[in-house]
Protein backbone atom coordinates (compact mmCIF):
# COMPACT_ATOMS: atom_id res chain seq x y z
CA UNK A 1 -25.65 -24.65 9.61
CA UNK A 2 -24.50 -21.70 12.08
CA UNK A 3 -21.95 -22.95 13.99
CA UNK A 4 -21.27 -22.51 18.35
CA UNK A 5 -19.11 -19.76 18.38
CA UNK A 6 -22.08 -17.64 15.78
CA UNK A 7 -24.23 -18.24 18.53
CA UNK A 8 -22.62 -18.09 21.75
CA UNK A 9 -19.93 -14.95 22.98
CA UNK A 10 -18.44 -16.74 25.47
CA UNK A 11 -17.18 -19.36 23.20
CA UNK A 12 -16.65 -16.74 20.74
CA UNK A 13 -14.09 -14.82 22.84
CA UNK A 14 -12.40 -17.99 24.30
CA UNK A 15 -11.78 -18.52 21.06
CA UNK A 16 -10.41 -15.64 20.39
CA UNK A 17 -8.35 -15.75 23.26
CA UNK A 18 -6.93 -19.03 22.64
CA UNK A 19 -6.08 -18.34 18.79
CA UNK A 20 -4.43 -14.98 19.43
CA UNK A 21 -2.13 -16.47 22.13
CA UNK A 22 -1.29 -19.89 20.52
CA UNK A 23 -0.96 -18.21 17.09
CA UNK A 24 -1.27 -14.57 16.25
CA UNK A 25 0.91 -12.80 19.05
CA UNK A 26 3.51 -15.57 18.60
CA UNK A 27 3.59 -14.45 14.58
CA UNK A 28 3.86 -10.67 15.28
CA UNK A 29 6.47 -11.29 18.21
CA UNK A 30 8.67 -12.88 15.13
CA UNK A 31 9.33 -9.09 14.19
CA UNK A 32 8.59 -6.86 17.69
CA UNK A 33 8.80 -7.11 21.24
CA UNK A 34 5.70 -6.57 23.56
CA UNK A 35 5.62 -4.85 27.07
CA UNK A 36 5.23 -2.06 29.07
CA UNK A 37 4.87 1.05 27.21
CA UNK A 38 3.52 -0.43 23.84
CA UNK A 39 0.22 0.72 22.58
CA UNK A 40 -1.76 -1.96 20.59
CA UNK A 41 -5.13 -1.12 18.53
CA UNK A 42 -7.19 -3.77 17.17
CA UNK A 43 -9.92 -2.63 14.01
CA UNK A 44 -12.59 -4.95 14.35
CA UNK A 45 -12.30 -6.25 17.59
CA UNK A 46 -15.45 -7.94 18.34
CA UNK A 47 -16.11 -9.31 21.59
CA UNK A 48 -11.89 -7.83 22.44
CA UNK A 49 -10.05 -11.76 22.76
CA UNK A 50 -7.65 -10.79 20.60
CA UNK A 51 -6.21 -8.46 22.77
CA UNK A 52 -6.05 -9.72 26.07
CA UNK A 53 -3.26 -11.94 25.35
CA UNK A 54 -1.25 -8.72 24.54
CA UNK A 55 -2.93 -6.88 27.51
CA UNK A 56 -1.55 -9.91 29.98
CA UNK A 57 1.63 -8.77 28.38
CA UNK A 58 1.42 -4.99 29.15
CA UNK A 59 0.61 -3.43 26.65
CA UNK A 60 -1.88 -0.96 26.75
CA UNK A 61 -4.81 -2.17 24.40
CA UNK A 62 -7.67 -0.30 22.39
CA UNK A 63 -10.29 -2.16 20.60
CA UNK A 64 -12.83 -0.25 17.97
CA UNK A 65 -16.00 -1.62 16.32
CA UNK A 66 -18.81 -0.42 14.57
CA UNK A 67 -21.22 -2.87 16.20
CA UNK A 68 -21.81 -1.75 19.29
CA UNK A 69 -23.42 -4.80 21.03
CA UNK A 70 -20.30 -6.02 20.46
CA UNK A 71 -18.42 -3.23 22.03
CA UNK A 72 -21.01 -3.97 25.05
CA UNK A 73 -19.82 -7.51 25.32
CA UNK A 74 -16.33 -6.88 25.69
CA UNK A 75 -16.60 -4.15 27.89
CA UNK A 76 -17.94 -7.07 29.91
CA UNK A 77 -15.92 -9.86 29.62
CA UNK A 78 -12.45 -7.95 30.09
CA UNK A 79 -14.31 -5.30 32.67
CA UNK A 80 -11.14 -5.79 34.88
CA UNK A 81 -8.09 -4.61 32.41
CA UNK A 82 -10.68 -1.77 31.39
CA UNK A 83 -11.56 -0.80 34.95
CA UNK A 84 -7.67 -0.91 35.25
CA UNK A 85 -6.92 1.72 32.39
CA UNK A 86 -5.16 -0.94 30.63
CA UNK A 87 -7.48 -1.68 27.67
CA UNK A 88 -10.54 0.09 26.60
CA UNK A 89 -13.38 -0.38 23.66
CA UNK A 90 -14.47 1.88 21.71
CA UNK A 91 -18.19 2.27 18.96
CA UNK A 92 -16.40 4.06 16.56
CA UNK A 93 -15.20 4.56 12.91
CA UNK A 94 -11.51 5.14 12.50
CA UNK A 95 -12.73 7.77 9.89
CA UNK A 96 -13.79 9.91 12.34
CA UNK A 97 -12.03 13.50 13.24
CA UNK A 98 -12.31 13.05 16.89
CA UNK A 99 -10.56 9.54 16.52
CA UNK A 100 -7.75 10.36 14.31
CA UNK A 101 -6.94 13.48 15.97
CA UNK A 102 -6.96 11.33 19.95
CA UNK A 103 -4.87 8.62 17.92
CA UNK A 104 -2.91 9.77 15.29
CA UNK A 105 0.74 9.15 15.98
CA UNK A 106 0.10 6.67 18.72
CA UNK A 107 0.04 2.63 18.23
CA UNK A 108 3.27 0.50 17.67
CA UNK A 109 0.58 -1.99 16.63
CA UNK A 110 -2.48 -2.30 14.18
CA UNK A 111 -4.60 -5.51 13.65
CA UNK A 112 -6.94 -6.57 11.79
CA UNK A 113 -7.86 -10.14 12.34
CA UNK A 114 -10.51 -11.62 9.92
CA UNK A 115 -11.35 -8.00 9.53
CA UNK A 116 -9.40 -6.38 5.87
CA UNK A 117 -11.96 -8.81 3.96
CA UNK A 118 -15.19 -6.77 5.15
CA UNK A 119 -13.92 -2.89 4.82
CA UNK A 120 -14.83 -1.40 1.14
CA UNK A 121 -12.14 0.51 -0.64
CA UNK A 122 -9.25 -1.29 0.79
CA UNK A 123 -6.52 0.80 -1.34
CA UNK A 124 -8.24 4.21 0.66
CA UNK A 125 -7.92 2.12 4.47
CA UNK A 126 -4.63 0.27 4.20
CA UNK A 127 -2.81 3.19 3.58
CA UNK A 128 -4.80 5.50 6.18
CA UNK A 129 -3.85 3.16 8.50
CA UNK A 130 -0.10 4.93 8.66
CA UNK A 131 -1.51 7.88 10.50
CA UNK A 132 -1.65 6.37 13.96
CA UNK A 133 1.59 4.26 13.68
CA UNK A 134 4.82 5.55 15.45
CA UNK A 135 7.87 5.77 13.93
CA UNK A 136 8.85 2.00 13.11
CA UNK A 137 4.62 0.54 13.70
CA UNK A 138 3.52 -2.48 12.15
CA UNK A 139 -0.03 -3.56 11.04
CA UNK A 140 -0.82 -7.45 11.34
CA UNK A 141 -3.22 -8.51 8.88
CA UNK A 142 -5.11 -12.07 9.16
CA UNK A 143 -7.57 -13.20 6.36
CA UNK A 144 -8.97 -15.76 4.77
CA UNK A 145 -7.80 -15.33 1.01
CA UNK A 146 -11.39 -14.65 -1.50
CA UNK A 147 -11.14 -17.68 -3.42
CA UNK A 148 -10.42 -20.09 -0.93
CA UNK A 149 -13.19 -22.67 -0.07
CA UNK A 150 -15.23 -20.81 2.22
CA UNK A 151 -13.80 -17.05 1.55
CA UNK A 152 -17.20 -15.86 1.11
CA UNK A 153 -18.23 -16.52 4.92
CA UNK A 154 -20.86 -19.02 4.09
CA UNK A 155 -20.10 -21.02 6.64
CA UNK A 156 -22.51 -18.82 9.12
CA UNK A 157 -25.38 -19.84 6.81
CA UNK A 158 -28.34 -21.41 8.78
CA UNK A 159 -28.65 -23.90 6.08
CA UNK A 160 -26.60 -27.14 6.48
CA UNK A 161 -25.77 -27.50 3.09
CA UNK A 162 -25.45 -23.76 1.95
CA UNK A 163 -22.94 -23.83 5.16
CA UNK A 164 -20.40 -26.67 4.21
CA UNK A 165 -20.55 -26.13 0.18
CA UNK A 166 -17.59 -24.97 -0.85
CA UNK A 167 -16.73 -22.35 -3.79
CA UNK A 168 -19.88 -21.39 -4.92
CA UNK A 169 -19.68 -18.10 -3.42
CA UNK A 170 -17.15 -16.85 -6.11
CA UNK A 171 -20.25 -17.34 -8.64
CA UNK A 172 -21.72 -14.41 -10.01
CA UNK A 173 -23.46 -12.22 -7.88
CA UNK A 174 -26.83 -13.01 -9.24
CA UNK A 175 -26.55 -16.58 -9.55
CA UNK A 176 -24.70 -16.73 -5.96
CA UNK A 177 -27.76 -14.81 -4.51
CA UNK A 178 -30.27 -17.06 -6.09
CA UNK A 179 -28.50 -20.12 -4.58
CA UNK A 180 -28.82 -18.30 -1.13
CA UNK A 181 -32.45 -17.70 -1.53
CA UNK A 182 -32.39 -21.28 -2.91
CA UNK A 183 -31.21 -22.74 0.36
CA UNK A 184 -33.66 -20.37 2.34
CA UNK A 185 -30.98 -18.20 3.82
CA UNK A 186 -32.67 -15.14 5.54
CA UNK A 187 -32.39 -11.51 4.03
CA UNK A 188 -29.72 -10.18 6.35
CA UNK A 189 -27.75 -13.32 6.09
CA UNK A 190 -27.75 -13.40 2.50
CA UNK A 191 -27.00 -9.35 2.61
CA UNK A 192 -24.01 -9.74 4.45
CA UNK A 193 -22.87 -12.29 2.60
CA UNK A 194 -23.09 -10.34 -0.99
CA UNK A 195 -21.20 -7.32 1.31
CA UNK A 196 -18.51 -9.97 1.53
CA UNK A 197 -19.09 -10.52 -2.11
CA UNK A 198 -17.89 -6.64 -3.26
CA UNK A 199 -15.20 -6.46 -0.76
CA UNK A 200 -13.36 -9.30 -1.65
CA UNK A 201 -9.80 -8.91 -1.21
CA UNK A 202 -7.09 -11.69 -2.75
CA UNK A 203 -3.39 -12.53 -1.62
CA UNK A 204 -1.86 -10.91 -5.07
CA UNK A 205 -4.50 -7.84 -4.34
CA UNK A 206 -3.33 -7.21 -0.73
CA UNK A 207 0.17 -7.00 -0.95
CA UNK A 208 -0.11 -4.80 -4.08
CA UNK A 209 -1.90 -2.68 -1.93
CA UNK A 210 0.98 -2.73 0.98
CA UNK A 211 3.52 -2.15 -1.97
CA UNK A 212 1.67 1.34 -3.71
CA UNK A 213 0.47 2.14 0.00
CA UNK A 214 4.79 2.37 1.08
CA UNK A 215 4.19 -0.22 3.67
CA UNK A 216 7.38 -2.87 3.89
CA UNK A 217 6.34 -6.55 3.99
CA UNK A 218 8.24 -7.67 7.32
CA UNK A 219 6.71 -11.13 8.06
CA UNK A 220 4.24 -13.35 6.08
CA UNK A 221 2.42 -17.18 6.56
CA UNK A 222 0.15 -18.47 4.37
CA UNK A 223 -1.98 -21.84 5.72
CA UNK A 224 -3.22 -24.41 4.03
CA UNK A 225 -5.71 -24.92 7.24
CA UNK A 226 -6.81 -21.71 9.44
CA UNK A 227 -5.41 -21.80 12.84
CA UNK A 228 -9.44 -21.08 13.70
CA UNK A 229 -10.44 -23.91 12.00
CA UNK A 230 -9.36 -26.20 15.17
CA UNK A 231 -12.01 -24.55 17.23
CA UNK A 232 -14.85 -24.51 14.45
CA UNK A 233 -14.16 -27.92 13.17
CA UNK A 234 -11.11 -29.82 15.03
CA UNK A 235 -8.78 -29.36 12.62
CA UNK A 236 -4.99 -29.43 13.08
CA UNK A 237 -3.64 -25.88 11.80
CA UNK A 238 -0.82 -26.62 8.87
CA UNK A 239 1.00 -24.39 7.08
CA UNK A 240 0.81 -24.03 3.60
CA UNK A 241 3.54 -25.69 1.35
CA UNK A 242 6.34 -23.12 0.15
CA UNK A 243 5.70 -24.55 -3.42
CA UNK A 244 1.90 -23.72 -3.39
CA UNK A 245 2.41 -20.00 -1.65
CA UNK A 246 4.93 -19.21 -4.40
CA UNK A 247 2.61 -19.86 -7.47
CA UNK A 248 0.44 -16.38 -7.57
CA UNK A 249 -3.52 -17.42 -8.14
CA UNK A 250 -3.74 -20.91 -7.76
CA UNK A 251 -2.29 -20.08 -4.07
CA UNK A 252 -5.42 -18.31 -3.47
CA UNK A 253 -8.18 -21.64 -4.08
CA UNK A 254 -5.85 -23.71 -1.86
CA UNK A 255 -4.91 -21.33 0.93
CA UNK A 256 -7.44 -20.73 3.55
CA UNK A 257 -5.48 -18.14 5.90
CA UNK A 258 -3.21 -15.97 5.47
CA UNK A 259 -0.71 -13.79 8.27
CA UNK A 260 1.02 -10.93 7.05
CA UNK A 261 2.87 -8.13 9.12
CA UNK A 262 3.90 -4.98 7.49
CA UNK A 263 5.90 -1.74 9.01
CA UNK A 264 6.47 1.64 8.25
């Protein structure tokens, strides 16, 4: 059963704004200040709601997404900020030479909120991001570890049972696909979920890529209950126990979301 925010653009935007204002910005702010003169890029910006609290602080914000419909929505919802020259939203791939030439060494902060788990070849992508950072620039990552109960994003399923059944996304690909078909999911939904299975990322693999990329870990927070679940399921956000966070591999199964800030 798809949730309201999967069908309602305004609801999804409003949740992005509140989640960013209440959790994402305060987390990032623990390692750097925000205000006029700070340039922020969000990759996979969707409707642009995550960026609004940063714009409210006086930052110049750029959102980029590969879905042109979401870029249109962002330009509509944030028209006032766009017209003031405070924000811009682009339907573009960050690998494009035009994008790299325009924004090389331009940003103080890059945000990937619920995005890195959708991007292929993360070993190539994460170090590539350094091209866009100023000296002392930072990157924020927020993502659900693959092995957590709903790490496959199966909540987007239209079948109610399929959308709330935990952990079955970690089964072999053929078995997983067969179960989705059995539940009557459409081919577009199945394709989307199998693509996420292909681009899955765990806590350990993420930290290994960050280290190999020459990036420094500045801050991290693991959550037992993802802050976004406040809007999706009415659950109070809850940080993960330190003991669980310290146990490699096991923590992936019990941690629904992680926040990281890394720097050059």
